[in-house]
C-alpha atoms as a PDB file:
ATOM      1  CA  MET A   1      75.276  31.623 -30.420  1.00  0.00           C
ATOM      2  CA  ILE A   2      77.151  34.007 -28.119  1.00  0.00           C
ATOM      3  CA  LEU A   3      73.874  34.997 -26.453  1.00  0.00           C
ATOM      4  CA  LEU A   4      72.905  31.342 -25.988  1.00  0.00           C
ATOM      5  CA  GLY A   5      76.286  30.514 -24.480  1.00  0.00           C
ATOM      6  CA  GLY A   6      76.094  33.485 -22.155  1.00  0.00           C
ATOM      7  CA  THR A   7      72.615  32.477 -20.992  1.00  0.00           C
ATOM      8  CA  ALA A   8      73.758  28.915 -20.328  1.00  0.00           C
ATOM      9  CA  LEU A   9      76.657  30.136 -18.191  1.00  0.00           C
ATOM     10  CA  THR A  10      74.386  32.542 -16.298  1.00  0.00           C
ATOM     11  CA  VAL A  11      71.990  29.709 -15.438  1.00  0.00           C
ATOM     12  CA  ASP A  12      74.929  27.471 -14.511  1.00  0.00           C
ATOM     13  CA  ARG A  13      76.236  30.037 -12.035  1.00  0.00           C
ATOM     14  CA  TYR A  14      72.769  30.724 -10.621  1.00  0.00           C
ATOM     15  CA  VAL A  15      72.173  27.041  -9.876  1.00  0.00           C
ATOM     16  CA  GLU A  16      75.646  26.800  -8.339  1.00  0.00           C
ATOM     17  CA  ARG A  17      75.060  29.843  -6.143  1.00  0.00           C
ATOM     18  CA  VAL A  18      71.684  28.670  -4.855  1.00  0.00           C
ATOM     19  CA  GLY A  19      72.917  25.149  -4.166  1.00  0.00           C
ATOM     20  CA  THR A  20      76.104  26.256  -2.435  1.00  0.00           C
ATOM     21  CA  GLU A  21      74.146  28.301   0.092  1.00  0.00           C
ATOM     22  CA  TYR A  22      72.745  25.111   1.642  1.00  0.00           C
ATOM     23  CA  ILE A  23      75.847  22.898   1.634  1.00  0.00           C
ATOM     24  CA  PHE A  24      77.169  22.156   5.126  1.00  0.00           C
ATOM     25  CA  ASN A  25      79.684  19.953   6.856  1.00  0.00           C
ATOM     26  CA  ILE A  26      78.606  16.895   8.802  1.00  0.00           C
ATOM     27  CA  ASN A  27      78.712  18.667  12.165  1.00  0.00           C
ATOM     28  CA  ASP A  28      76.630  21.680  11.183  1.00  0.00           C
ATOM     29  CA  VAL A  29      74.000  20.214   8.863  1.00  0.00           C
ATOM     30  CA  PRO A  30      70.503  20.255  10.435  1.00  0.00           C
ATOM     31  CA  ALA A  31      68.782  16.975  11.259  1.00  0.00           C
ATOM     32  CA  ALA A  32      66.330  15.736   8.644  1.00  0.00           C
ATOM     33  CA  ASP A  33      63.630  13.194   7.848  1.00  0.00           C
ATOM     34  CA  ALA A  34      65.998  11.205   5.648  1.00  0.00           C
ATOM     35  CA  ILE A  35      69.424  11.116   4.042  1.00  0.00           C
ATOM     36  CA  LEU A  36      69.140  10.851   0.259  1.00  0.00           C
ATOM     37  CA  VAL A  37      72.142   9.131  -1.321  1.00  0.00           C
ATOM     38  CA  LEU A  38      72.125   9.550  -5.093  1.00  0.00           C
ATOM     39  CA  GLY A  39      73.153   6.615  -7.250  1.00  0.00           C
ATOM     40  CA  ALA A  40      76.170   6.152  -9.495  1.00  0.00           C
ATOM     41  CA  TYR A  41      77.790   3.347 -11.443  1.00  0.00           C
ATOM     42  CA  VAL A  42      77.736  -0.195 -10.076  1.00  0.00           C
ATOM     43  CA  PHE A  43      79.945  -2.915 -11.577  1.00  0.00           C
ATOM     44  CA  PRO A  44      78.382  -6.123 -12.946  1.00  0.00           C
ATOM     45  CA  ASP A  45      79.350  -8.059  -9.815  1.00  0.00           C
ATOM     46  CA  GLY A  46      77.470  -5.558  -7.635  1.00  0.00           C
ATOM     47  CA  THR A  47      80.553  -3.694  -6.431  1.00  0.00           C
ATOM     48  CA  THR A  48      80.023   0.033  -6.027  1.00  0.00           C
ATOM     49  CA  SER A  49      82.245   2.441  -7.978  1.00  0.00           C
ATOM     50  CA  SER A  50      84.576   4.742  -6.054  1.00  0.00           C
ATOM     51  CA  MET A  51      82.227   7.727  -6.423  1.00  0.00           C
ATOM     52  CA  LEU A  52      79.246   5.744  -5.178  1.00  0.00           C
ATOM     53  CA  ASN A  53      81.299   4.156  -2.408  1.00  0.00           C
ATOM     54  CA  ASP A  54      82.174   7.640  -1.153  1.00  0.00           C
ATOM     55  CA  ARG A  55      78.547   8.792  -1.301  1.00  0.00           C
ATOM     56  CA  LEU A  56      77.433   5.775   0.704  1.00  0.00           C
ATOM     57  CA  SER A  57      80.248   6.151   3.239  1.00  0.00           C
ATOM     58  CA  GLU A  58      79.251   9.789   3.822  1.00  0.00           C
ATOM     59  CA  GLY A  59      75.587   8.825   4.093  1.00  0.00           C
ATOM     60  CA  TYR A  60      76.478   6.180   6.652  1.00  0.00           C
ATOM     61  CA  GLU A  61      78.457   8.713   8.701  1.00  0.00           C
ATOM     62  CA  LEU A  62      75.459  11.053   8.743  1.00  0.00           C
ATOM     63  CA  TYR A  63      73.198   8.193   9.849  1.00  0.00           C
ATOM     64  CA  LYS A  64      75.660   7.163  12.555  1.00  0.00           C
ATOM     65  CA  GLU A  65      75.799  10.776  13.792  1.00  0.00           C
ATOM     66  CA  GLY A  66      72.014  10.773  14.162  1.00  0.00           C
ATOM     67  CA  LYS A  67      71.340  13.379  11.460  1.00  0.00           C
ATOM     68  CA  ALA A  68      68.423  11.239  10.220  1.00  0.00           C
ATOM     69  CA  SER A  69      66.974   7.894  11.235  1.00  0.00           C
ATOM     70  CA  LYS A  70      66.359   6.749   7.645  1.00  0.00           C
ATOM     71  CA  LEU A  71      68.451   6.469   4.494  1.00  0.00           C
ATOM     72  CA  LEU A  72      66.904   6.721   1.034  1.00  0.00           C
ATOM     73  CA  VAL A  73      69.090   5.289  -1.736  1.00  0.00           C
ATOM     74  CA  SER A  74      67.946   6.347  -5.185  1.00  0.00           C
ATOM     75  CA  GLY A  75      69.292   5.079  -8.483  1.00  0.00           C
ATOM     76  CA  ASP A  76      68.811   3.168 -11.687  1.00  0.00           C
ATOM     77  CA  HIS A  77      67.149  -0.235 -11.470  1.00  0.00           C
ATOM     78  CA  GLY A  78      65.381  -0.062 -14.795  1.00  0.00           C
ATOM     79  CA  ARG A  79      66.771  -3.402 -16.024  1.00  0.00           C
ATOM     80  CA  LYS A  80      67.113  -6.801 -14.379  1.00  0.00           C
ATOM     81  CA  ASP A  81      70.819  -6.886 -15.252  1.00  0.00           C
ATOM     82  CA  TYR A  82      71.646  -3.475 -13.751  1.00  0.00           C
ATOM     83  CA  ASP A  83      70.769  -2.597 -10.180  1.00  0.00           C
ATOM     84  CA  GLU A  84      72.254   0.350  -8.323  1.00  0.00           C
ATOM     85  CA  VAL A  85      69.883   0.401  -5.375  1.00  0.00           C
ATOM     86  CA  ASN A  86      70.263  -3.139  -4.033  1.00  0.00           C
ATOM     87  CA  ALA A  87      74.039  -2.712  -4.244  1.00  0.00           C
ATOM     88  CA  MET A  88      73.666   0.519  -2.256  1.00  0.00           C
ATOM     89  CA  LYS A  89      71.439  -1.080   0.352  1.00  0.00           C
ATOM     90  CA  ASN A  90      73.790  -4.056   0.692  1.00  0.00           C
ATOM     91  CA  PHE A  91      76.703  -1.668   1.272  1.00  0.00           C
ATOM     92  CA  LEU A  92      74.830   0.006   4.126  1.00  0.00           C
ATOM     93  CA  LYS A  93      73.601  -3.265   5.617  1.00  0.00           C
ATOM     94  CA  ASN A  94      77.200  -4.510   5.635  1.00  0.00           C
ATOM     95  CA  LYS A  95      78.038  -1.421   7.693  1.00  0.00           C
ATOM     96  CA  GLY A  96      75.432  -2.514  10.231  1.00  0.00           C
ATOM     97  CA  VAL A  97      72.466  -0.351   9.198  1.00  0.00           C
ATOM     98  CA  PRO A  98      69.221  -2.281   9.814  1.00  0.00           C
ATOM     99  CA  SER A  99      67.270  -3.127   6.667  1.00  0.00           C
ATOM    100  CA  GLN A 100      64.218  -1.283   7.971  1.00  0.00           C
ATOM    101  CA  ASP A 101      66.174   1.973   7.994  1.00  0.00           C
ATOM    102  CA  VAL A 102      67.136   1.814   4.299  1.00  0.00           C
ATOM    103  CA  PHE A 103      64.540   2.678   1.656  1.00  0.00           C
ATOM    104  CA  MET A 104      65.259   1.966  -2.011  1.00  0.00           C
ATOM    105  CA  ASP A 105      64.002   4.133  -4.847  1.00  0.00           C
ATOM    106  CA  HIS A 106      64.271   1.788  -7.827  1.00  0.00           C
ATOM    107  CA  ALA A 107      63.242   4.501 -10.324  1.00  0.00           C
ATOM    108  CA  GLY A 108      65.725   7.263  -9.574  1.00  0.00           C
ATOM    109  CA  PHE A 109      66.764   7.526 -13.220  1.00  0.00           C
ATOM    110  CA  SER A 110      67.934  11.139 -12.913  1.00  0.00           C
ATOM    111  CA  THR A 111      68.621  13.679 -10.211  1.00  0.00           C
ATOM    112  CA  TYR A 112      65.318  15.392 -11.013  1.00  0.00           C
ATOM    113  CA  GLU A 113      63.397  12.131 -10.702  1.00  0.00           C
ATOM    114  CA  SER A 114      65.163  11.130  -7.478  1.00  0.00           C
ATOM    115  CA  VAL A 115      64.212  14.420  -5.813  1.00  0.00           C
ATOM    116  CA  TYR A 116      60.662  14.421  -7.206  1.00  0.00           C
ATOM    117  CA  ARG A 117      60.050  10.874  -5.955  1.00  0.00           C
ATOM    118  CA  ALA A 118      61.628  11.617  -2.568  1.00  0.00           C
ATOM    119  CA  ARG A 119      58.972  14.278  -2.144  1.00  0.00           C
ATOM    120  CA  ASP A 120      55.934  12.579  -3.697  1.00  0.00           C
ATOM    121  CA  ILE A 121      56.518   8.853  -3.089  1.00  0.00           C
ATOM    122  CA  PHE A 122      58.580   8.839   0.086  1.00  0.00           C
ATOM    123  CA  LYS A 123      56.913  11.938   1.589  1.00  0.00           C
ATOM    124  CA  VAL A 124      60.134  13.581   2.701  1.00  0.00           C
ATOM    125  CA  GLN A 125      59.922  17.253   3.705  1.00  0.00           C
ATOM    126  CA  ARG A 126      63.368  17.901   5.191  1.00  0.00           C
ATOM    127  CA  ILE A 127      66.241  16.103   3.508  1.00  0.00           C
ATOM    128  CA  ILE A 128      70.032  15.834   3.463  1.00  0.00           C
ATOM    129  CA  ILE A 129      71.362  15.047  -0.015  1.00  0.00           C
ATOM    130  CA  VAL A 130      74.708  13.297  -0.441  1.00  0.00           C
ATOM    131  CA  THR A 131      76.785  13.277  -3.627  1.00  0.00           C
ATOM    132  CA  GLN A 132      79.986  14.823  -4.989  1.00  0.00           C
ATOM    133  CA  GLU A 133      80.096  18.627  -4.814  1.00  0.00           C
ATOM    134  CA  TYR A 134      79.939  19.285  -8.579  1.00  0.00           C
ATOM    135  CA  HIS A 135      76.615  17.381  -8.644  1.00  0.00           C
ATOM    136  CA  LEU A 136      75.389  18.381  -5.193  1.00  0.00           C
ATOM    137  CA  MET A 137      74.754  22.034  -6.023  1.00  0.00           C
ATOM    138  CA  ARG A 138      72.229  21.052  -8.717  1.00  0.00           C
ATOM    139  CA  ALA A 139      70.582  18.432  -6.514  1.00  0.00           C
ATOM    140  CA  VAL A 140      70.060  20.897  -3.669  1.00  0.00           C
ATOM    141  CA  PHE A 141      68.817  23.555  -6.099  1.00  0.00           C
ATOM    142  CA  LEU A 142      66.254  21.107  -7.498  1.00  0.00           C
ATOM    143  CA  ALA A 143      65.044  20.039  -4.083  1.00  0.00           C
ATOM    144  CA  ARG A 144      64.642  23.638  -2.941  1.00  0.00           C
ATOM    145  CA  GLU A 145      62.743  24.506  -6.126  1.00  0.00           C
ATOM    146  CA  MET A 146      60.431  21.547  -5.442  1.00  0.00           C
ATOM    147  CA  GLY A 147      59.586  22.871  -2.002  1.00  0.00           C
ATOM    148  CA  LEU A 148      61.801  20.661   0.150  1.00  0.00           C
ATOM    149  CA  GLU A 149      63.877  21.924   3.024  1.00  0.00           C
ATOM    150  CA  ALA A 150      67.044  20.512   1.546  1.00  0.00           C
ATOM    151  CA  TYR A 151      70.657  20.555   2.667  1.00  0.00           C
ATOM    152  CA  GLY A 152      73.745  19.070   1.054  1.00  0.00           C
ATOM    153  CA  ILE A 153      76.804  17.148   2.177  1.00  0.00           C
ATOM    154  CA  ALA A 154      79.641  16.749  -0.324  1.00  0.00           C
ATOM    155  CA  SER A 155      81.226  13.303  -0.544  1.00  0.00           C
ATOM    156  CA  ASP A 156      84.489  14.131  -2.324  1.00  0.00           C
ATOM    157  CA  LYS A 157      86.727  11.713  -0.461  1.00  0.00           C
ATOM    158  CA  HIS A 158      89.078  10.881  -3.339  1.00  0.00           C
ATOM    159  CA  ASP A 159      90.549  12.200  -6.568  1.00  0.00           C
ATOM    160  CA  TYR A 160      88.331  10.756  -9.307  1.00  0.00           C
ATOM    161  CA  GLY A 161      90.832  11.383 -12.068  1.00  0.00           C
ATOM    162  CA  GLN A 162      90.428  12.748 -15.569  1.00  0.00           C
ATOM    163  CA  ALA A 163      86.741  11.804 -15.702  1.00  0.00           C
ATOM    164  CA  MET A 164      85.959  14.821 -13.511  1.00  0.00           C
ATOM    165  CA  LYS A 165      86.765  17.189 -16.375  1.00  0.00           C
ATOM    166  CA  PHE A 166      84.052  15.552 -18.470  1.00  0.00           C
ATOM    167  CA  TYR A 167      81.571  15.471 -15.586  1.00  0.00           C
ATOM    168  CA  LYS A 168      82.029  19.172 -14.853  1.00  0.00           C
ATOM    169  CA  VAL A 169      81.514  20.178 -18.483  1.00  0.00           C
ATOM    170  CA  ARG A 170      78.444  17.951 -18.757  1.00  0.00           C
ATOM    171  CA  GLU A 171      77.113  19.473 -15.546  1.00  0.00           C
ATOM    172  CA  ILE A 172      76.643  22.853 -17.255  1.00  0.00           C
ATOM    173  CA  ALA A 173      74.116  21.289 -19.637  1.00  0.00           C
ATOM    174  CA  ALA A 174      72.502  19.325 -16.810  1.00  0.00           C
ATOM    175  CA  ARG A 175      72.040  22.458 -14.706  1.00  0.00           C
ATOM    176  CA  ASN A 176      70.400  24.278 -17.595  1.00  0.00           C
ATOM    177  CA  LYS A 177      68.069  21.374 -18.310  1.00  0.00           C
ATOM    178  CA  ASP A 178      67.042  20.968 -14.670  1.00  0.00           C
ATOM    179  CA  PHE A 179      66.585  24.718 -14.258  1.00  0.00           C
ATOM    180  CA  ILE A 180      64.028  24.617 -17.082  1.00  0.00           C
ATOM    181  CA  TRP A 181      62.394  21.453 -15.758  1.00  0.00           C
ATOM    182  CA  ALA A 182      62.101  22.701 -12.183  1.00  0.00           C
ATOM    183  CA  LYS A 183      60.954  26.239 -12.962  1.00  0.00           C
ATOM    184  CA  ILE A 184      58.973  25.908 -16.209  1.00  0.00           C
ATOM    185  CA  ILE A 185      58.124  22.443 -17.540  1.00  0.00           C
ATOM    186  CA  LYS A 186      57.838  20.518 -14.248  1.00  0.00           C
ATOM    187  CA  PRO A 187      57.440  17.083 -15.885  1.00  0.00           C
ATOM    188  CA  LYS A 188      56.376  14.055 -13.899  1.00  0.00           C
ATOM    189  CA  PRO A 189      59.014  11.350 -13.421  1.00  0.00           C
ATOM    190  CA  THR A 190      59.019   8.124 -15.434  1.00  0.00           C
ATOM    191  CA  TYR A 191      57.197   6.332 -12.615  1.00  0.00           C
ATOM    192  CA  LEU A 192      55.208   7.484  -9.602  1.00  0.00           C
ATOM    193  CA  GLY A 193      52.886   4.965  -7.926  1.00  0.00           C
ATOM    194  CA  ASP A 194      51.730   4.429  -4.360  1.00  0.00           C
ATOM    195  CA  SER A 195      53.350   6.366  -1.555  1.00  0.00           C
ATOM    196  CA  ILE A 196      55.874   4.645   0.718  1.00  0.00           C
ATOM    197  CA  PRO A 197      56.463   7.136   3.553  1.00  0.00           C
ATOM    198  CA  VAL A 198      60.069   7.133   4.714  1.00  0.00           C
ATOM    199  CA  PHE A 199      58.853   7.184   8.313  1.00  0.00           C
ATOM    200  CA  GLY A 200      57.863   3.500   8.063  1.00  0.00           C
ATOM    201  CA  ASP A 201      59.825   0.313   7.330  1.00  0.00           C
ATOM    202  CA  GLY A 202      62.378   0.336   4.512  1.00  0.00           C
ATOM    203  CA  ARG A 203      61.771  -3.358   3.859  1.00  0.00           C
ATOM    204  CA  ALA A 204      58.591  -2.273   2.048  1.00  0.00           C
ATOM    205  CA  THR A 205      60.893  -1.354  -0.861  1.00  0.00           C
ATOM    206  CA  ASP A 206      62.725  -4.701  -0.966  1.00  0.00           C
ATOM    207  CA  ASP A 207      62.362  -6.706  -4.159  1.00  0.00           C
ATOM    208  CA  LYS A 208      64.669  -9.590  -3.306  1.00  0.00           C
END
């Protein structure tokens, strides 16, 4: 048990170290093919949670600064009654981003799947990933392991309260799982399908 716990912490720190190396601020991050905004909870009325709101706001700032000409929003739309990605696209459209510049990944059910599909479905090679820092290190690690030239921008704009303690503990397990998936198992995501290159028109991903 002690050996197992020590191994888990070693992997956790390795993933953190690799991911941190490629996290930049908005001024210094290199330009990319697309900005990948990872999904988070959306309320039943379609309102984005504070964490997701901050991710989208940071993604919008990157777009406005010309760091990429396309945004890829990836999240859970596995049920008709729960839809992260249309809520994310609507947020960006309300900011003035043209619909053709926002691609939706409806099957981004996990960080691993979002990155895998960004590479294989949306044909991204250089990417800026946006999420909160505790999550960002793993996302960048995964993307780098999958052969993408990936950079990260942290979107910690607010204090997210006591929930962060739970998220950070859970992240240790998530980093270990994704380390094994990226380096050893390399499973395919739940869905793949036809390619939709991010260099085209984001309206190809619209379902409404």
